[in-house]
Amino acid sequence: MKDGFDKSIGNRLHHAARLQRALAARRLTEIGLFPGQETVLKLLMESDGRTMTELADALRVRPPTASKTVGRLSAQGLLVRRASEGDARLVRVHLTEEGRSRAGAIDAIRDSLEDQMVAGLDGKDRKRLRKLLRRLEKNLSLQLGATISEPDDEPDGPEEAS
């Protein structure tokens, strides 16, 4: 018989993910954001001036959902919507200076959470864990008929310091 439910990999992974999301939500609240809003800010840091359709596609949500999130962030003064220069019917979303500042704070939160999650793991263990998680993602994606865009193996390089 396999290990009990509490010891199953799926259950452990699910529980760890829930704890990580709860801690991330707590940290985001400290900078005035709700879970999901940070993704919009980070997407715009990568490529400012996206259309609502581009944002919805990148977020993998329907346009009304993206519009609601953009509206809330706009009300906080983190984003502005502007008509496109080439086509006034097309609206583009841009970060404000405060939006850029919060996006930077998101990086610090992500890095801190990462450090806390892997505390006690050396560089080799961290690399192996990433590889194992990518393998799980690949296995699950194949079952869903999807593919993942990340390579299966990391390039060889120096091990991370713990």
Protein backbone atom coordinates (compact mmCIF):
# COMPACT_ATOMS: atom_id res chain seq x y z
CA MET A 1 0.00 0.00 0.00
CA LYS A 2 1.19 3.49 -0.79
CA ASP A 3 1.83 6.10 1.86
CA GLY A 4 -1.25 7.61 3.43
CA PHE A 5 -2.93 10.69 2.03
CA ASP A 6 -1.05 12.99 4.41
CA LYS A 7 2.25 11.68 3.07
CA SER A 8 1.32 11.78 -0.62
CA ILE A 9 3.38 14.05 -2.85
CA GLY A 10 0.27 15.68 -4.23
CA ASN A 11 -1.01 16.53 -0.77
CA ARG A 12 2.38 17.84 0.39
CA LEU A 13 2.71 19.95 -2.77
CA HIS A 14 -0.84 21.29 -2.41
CA HIS A 15 -0.30 22.19 1.23
CA ALA A 16 3.05 23.89 0.56
CA ALA A 17 1.51 25.89 -2.30
CA ARG A 18 -1.39 27.00 -0.09
CA LEU A 19 0.98 28.15 2.64
CA GLN A 20 3.14 30.02 0.12
CA ARG A 21 0.07 31.76 -1.36
CA ALA A 22 -1.21 32.70 2.11
CA LEU A 23 2.13 34.22 3.10
CA ALA A 24 2.42 36.01 -0.27
CA ALA A 25 -1.11 37.42 0.20
CA ARG A 26 -0.17 38.70 3.66
CA ARG A 27 2.96 40.39 2.31
CA LEU A 28 1.12 41.90 -0.67
CA THR A 29 -1.51 43.33 1.68
CA GLU A 30 1.30 45.13 3.50
CA ILE A 31 2.04 47.09 0.30
CA GLY A 32 -1.65 47.64 -0.52
CA LEU A 33 -2.14 44.87 -3.09
CA PHE A 34 -4.34 41.81 -3.37
CA PRO A 35 -3.16 38.51 -4.87
CA GLY A 36 -3.29 38.70 -8.65
CA GLN A 37 -2.70 42.43 -8.81
CA GLU A 38 1.05 41.94 -8.54
CA THR A 39 1.04 39.97 -11.77
CA VAL A 40 -0.45 42.91 -13.67
CA LEU A 41 2.19 45.25 -12.32
CA LYS A 42 5.00 42.81 -13.18
CA LEU A 43 3.64 42.26 -16.70
CA LEU A 44 3.60 46.00 -17.27
CA MET A 45 7.14 46.31 -15.90
CA GLU A 46 8.18 43.82 -18.59
CA SER A 47 6.26 45.60 -21.32
CA ASP A 48 4.49 48.83 -20.43
CA GLY A 49 1.60 50.00 -22.58
CA ARG A 50 -0.13 46.67 -23.14
CA THR A 51 -3.68 46.58 -24.40
CA MET A 52 -6.44 45.07 -22.29
CA THR A 53 -6.56 42.07 -24.63
CA GLU A 54 -2.81 41.53 -24.26
CA LEU A 55 -3.11 41.73 -20.48
CA ALA A 56 -6.06 39.34 -20.37
CA ASP A 57 -4.17 36.85 -22.56
CA ALA A 58 -1.00 37.09 -20.46
CA LEU A 59 -3.03 36.67 -17.25
CA ARG A 60 -5.07 33.83 -18.80
CA VAL A 61 -8.32 35.48 -17.78
CA ARG A 62 -11.29 36.90 -19.65
CA PRO A 63 -11.10 40.60 -20.64
CA PRO A 64 -13.78 41.70 -18.11
CA THR A 65 -11.71 40.16 -15.29
CA ALA A 66 -8.57 41.94 -16.48
CA SER A 67 -10.53 45.17 -16.83
CA LYS A 68 -11.79 44.92 -13.25
CA THR A 69 -8.25 44.40 -11.92
CA VAL A 70 -6.90 47.27 -14.02
CA GLY A 71 -9.73 49.47 -12.75
CA ARG A 72 -8.86 48.73 -9.13
CA LEU A 73 -5.16 49.38 -9.70
CA SER A 74 -6.00 52.55 -11.58
CA ALA A 75 -8.13 53.75 -8.66
CA GLN A 76 -5.07 53.27 -6.42
CA GLY A 77 -3.04 55.46 -8.76
CA LEU A 78 -0.79 52.59 -9.89
CA LEU A 79 -1.91 52.49 -13.53
CA VAL A 80 -3.31 54.83 -16.15
CA ARG A 81 -5.25 53.99 -19.28
CA ARG A 82 -4.43 55.98 -22.40
CA ALA A 83 -5.71 55.93 -25.95
CA SER A 84 -3.14 54.49 -28.34
CA GLU A 85 -1.29 57.06 -30.41
CA GLY A 86 -1.93 55.17 -33.64
CA ASP A 87 -5.57 54.26 -32.96
CA ALA A 88 -7.59 56.25 -30.43
CA ARG A 89 -10.07 53.36 -30.13
CA LEU A 90 -7.33 51.17 -28.67
CA VAL A 91 -6.62 51.67 -24.96
CA ARG A 92 -3.20 50.92 -23.53
CA VAL A 93 -2.38 50.47 -19.86
CA HIS A 94 0.70 52.16 -18.40
CA LEU A 95 2.35 52.11 -14.98
CA THR A 96 2.56 55.29 -12.95
CA GLU A 97 5.67 56.07 -10.91
CA GLU A 98 3.92 54.67 -7.84
CA GLY A 99 3.06 51.55 -9.85
CA ARG A 100 6.73 51.11 -10.73
CA SER A 101 7.67 51.53 -7.08
CA ARG A 102 5.20 48.85 -5.98
CA ALA A 103 6.41 46.52 -8.73
CA GLY A 104 9.89 46.85 -7.24
CA ALA A 105 8.51 46.00 -3.82
CA ILE A 106 6.96 42.86 -5.33
CA ASP A 107 10.43 41.65 -6.30
CA ALA A 108 11.59 42.05 -2.71
CA ILE A 109 8.57 40.10 -1.44
CA ARG A 110 9.15 37.32 -3.97
CA ASP A 111 12.85 37.08 -3.08
CA SER A 112 12.11 37.03 0.65
CA LEU A 113 9.47 34.31 0.25
CA GLU A 114 11.85 32.26 -1.88
CA ASP A 115 14.55 32.52 0.78
CA GLN A 116 12.13 31.49 3.51
CA MET A 117 10.75 28.55 1.50
CA VAL A 118 14.17 27.05 0.82
CA ALA A 119 15.81 27.89 4.14
CA GLY A 120 18.01 24.98 5.14
CA LEU A 121 18.43 23.71 1.57
CA ASP A 122 21.85 24.04 -0.01
CA GLY A 123 22.38 25.07 -3.63
CA LYS A 124 22.38 21.48 -4.88
CA ASP A 125 19.09 20.71 -3.13
CA ARG A 126 17.50 23.88 -4.52
CA LYS A 127 18.57 23.01 -8.07
CA ARG A 128 17.29 19.44 -7.68
CA LEU A 129 13.97 20.67 -6.28
CA ARG A 130 13.49 23.01 -9.26
CA LYS A 131 14.25 20.17 -11.66
CA LEU A 132 11.85 17.81 -9.87
CA LEU A 133 9.07 20.41 -9.87
CA ARG A 134 9.58 21.06 -13.59
CA ARG A 135 9.31 17.32 -14.15
CA LEU A 136 6.03 17.21 -12.22
CA GLU A 137 4.75 20.15 -14.29
CA LYS A 138 5.70 18.38 -17.49
CA ASN A 139 4.00 15.14 -16.43
CA LEU A 140 0.81 16.97 -15.48
CA SER A 141 0.85 19.11 -18.62
CA LEU A 142 1.15 16.02 -20.80
CA GLN A 143 -1.92 14.56 -19.10
CA LEU A 144 -3.83 17.75 -19.91
CA GLY A 145 -2.60 17.79 -23.50
CA ALA A 146 -0.66 20.99 -22.89
CA THR A 147 3.02 21.75 -23.11
CA ILE A 148 5.17 23.87 -20.87
CA SER A 149 7.54 26.43 -22.28
CA GLU A 150 10.39 25.99 -19.81
CA PRO A 151 13.27 23.70 -20.72
CA ASP A 152 13.42 20.36 -18.91
CA ASP A 153 16.99 20.92 -17.74
CA GLU A 154 18.79 23.96 -16.43
CA PRO A 155 22.06 24.82 -18.10
CA ASP A 156 25.07 23.63 -16.17
CA GLY A 157 26.58 26.35 -14.09
CA PRO A 158 27.81 27.14 -10.63
CA GLU A 159 25.68 25.87 -7.79
CA GLU A 160 23.74 28.43 -5.81
CA ALA A 161 25.10 29.39 -2.46
CA SER A 162 22.84 28.38 0.39
